[in-house]
Amino acid sequence: MRFLWAAVLIVTWVAANPASAQVAKEPTQRFLDWDKNKDGKLTKDELPAALQANFEKVDLNKDGSISPEEDAKVPGGRLDGVKVDRDVPYAADKNPRHTLDLYRPEYPKSK
């Protein structure tokens, strides 16, 4: 029951604060750890070997590198029909551990 109550509070808070639910443009800690030369983008050589096969799928603008924005759009793999809100804070403090990722269905836009 506590989980349900917490989920309702989080969904209500995100709905009331849509600006906080935008895809993060700042790099995640994972991105920063992989960025060996600290140039703010990832090349295929900087990725772990297990992920290098998916480089072309993540490099959306085909410039040969992955930006933090491109990384934020692909949370571990392309999820068609799913909108991902990353690093949404759920506590009133600045603790980076007090965030979560929300996966919501993405509805087609009406014409």
Foldseek 3Di string as FASTA:
>chain_A
DVVVVLVVVVVVVCVVPVVLQDQDQDADPVQCVLPVVPPQWAALVSDDPVCSVCVVVLPVVPPRIHHRVSCSCAPPHHDPQWDKRFQRASDPDPPSVRGGIDIDGDDDDDD
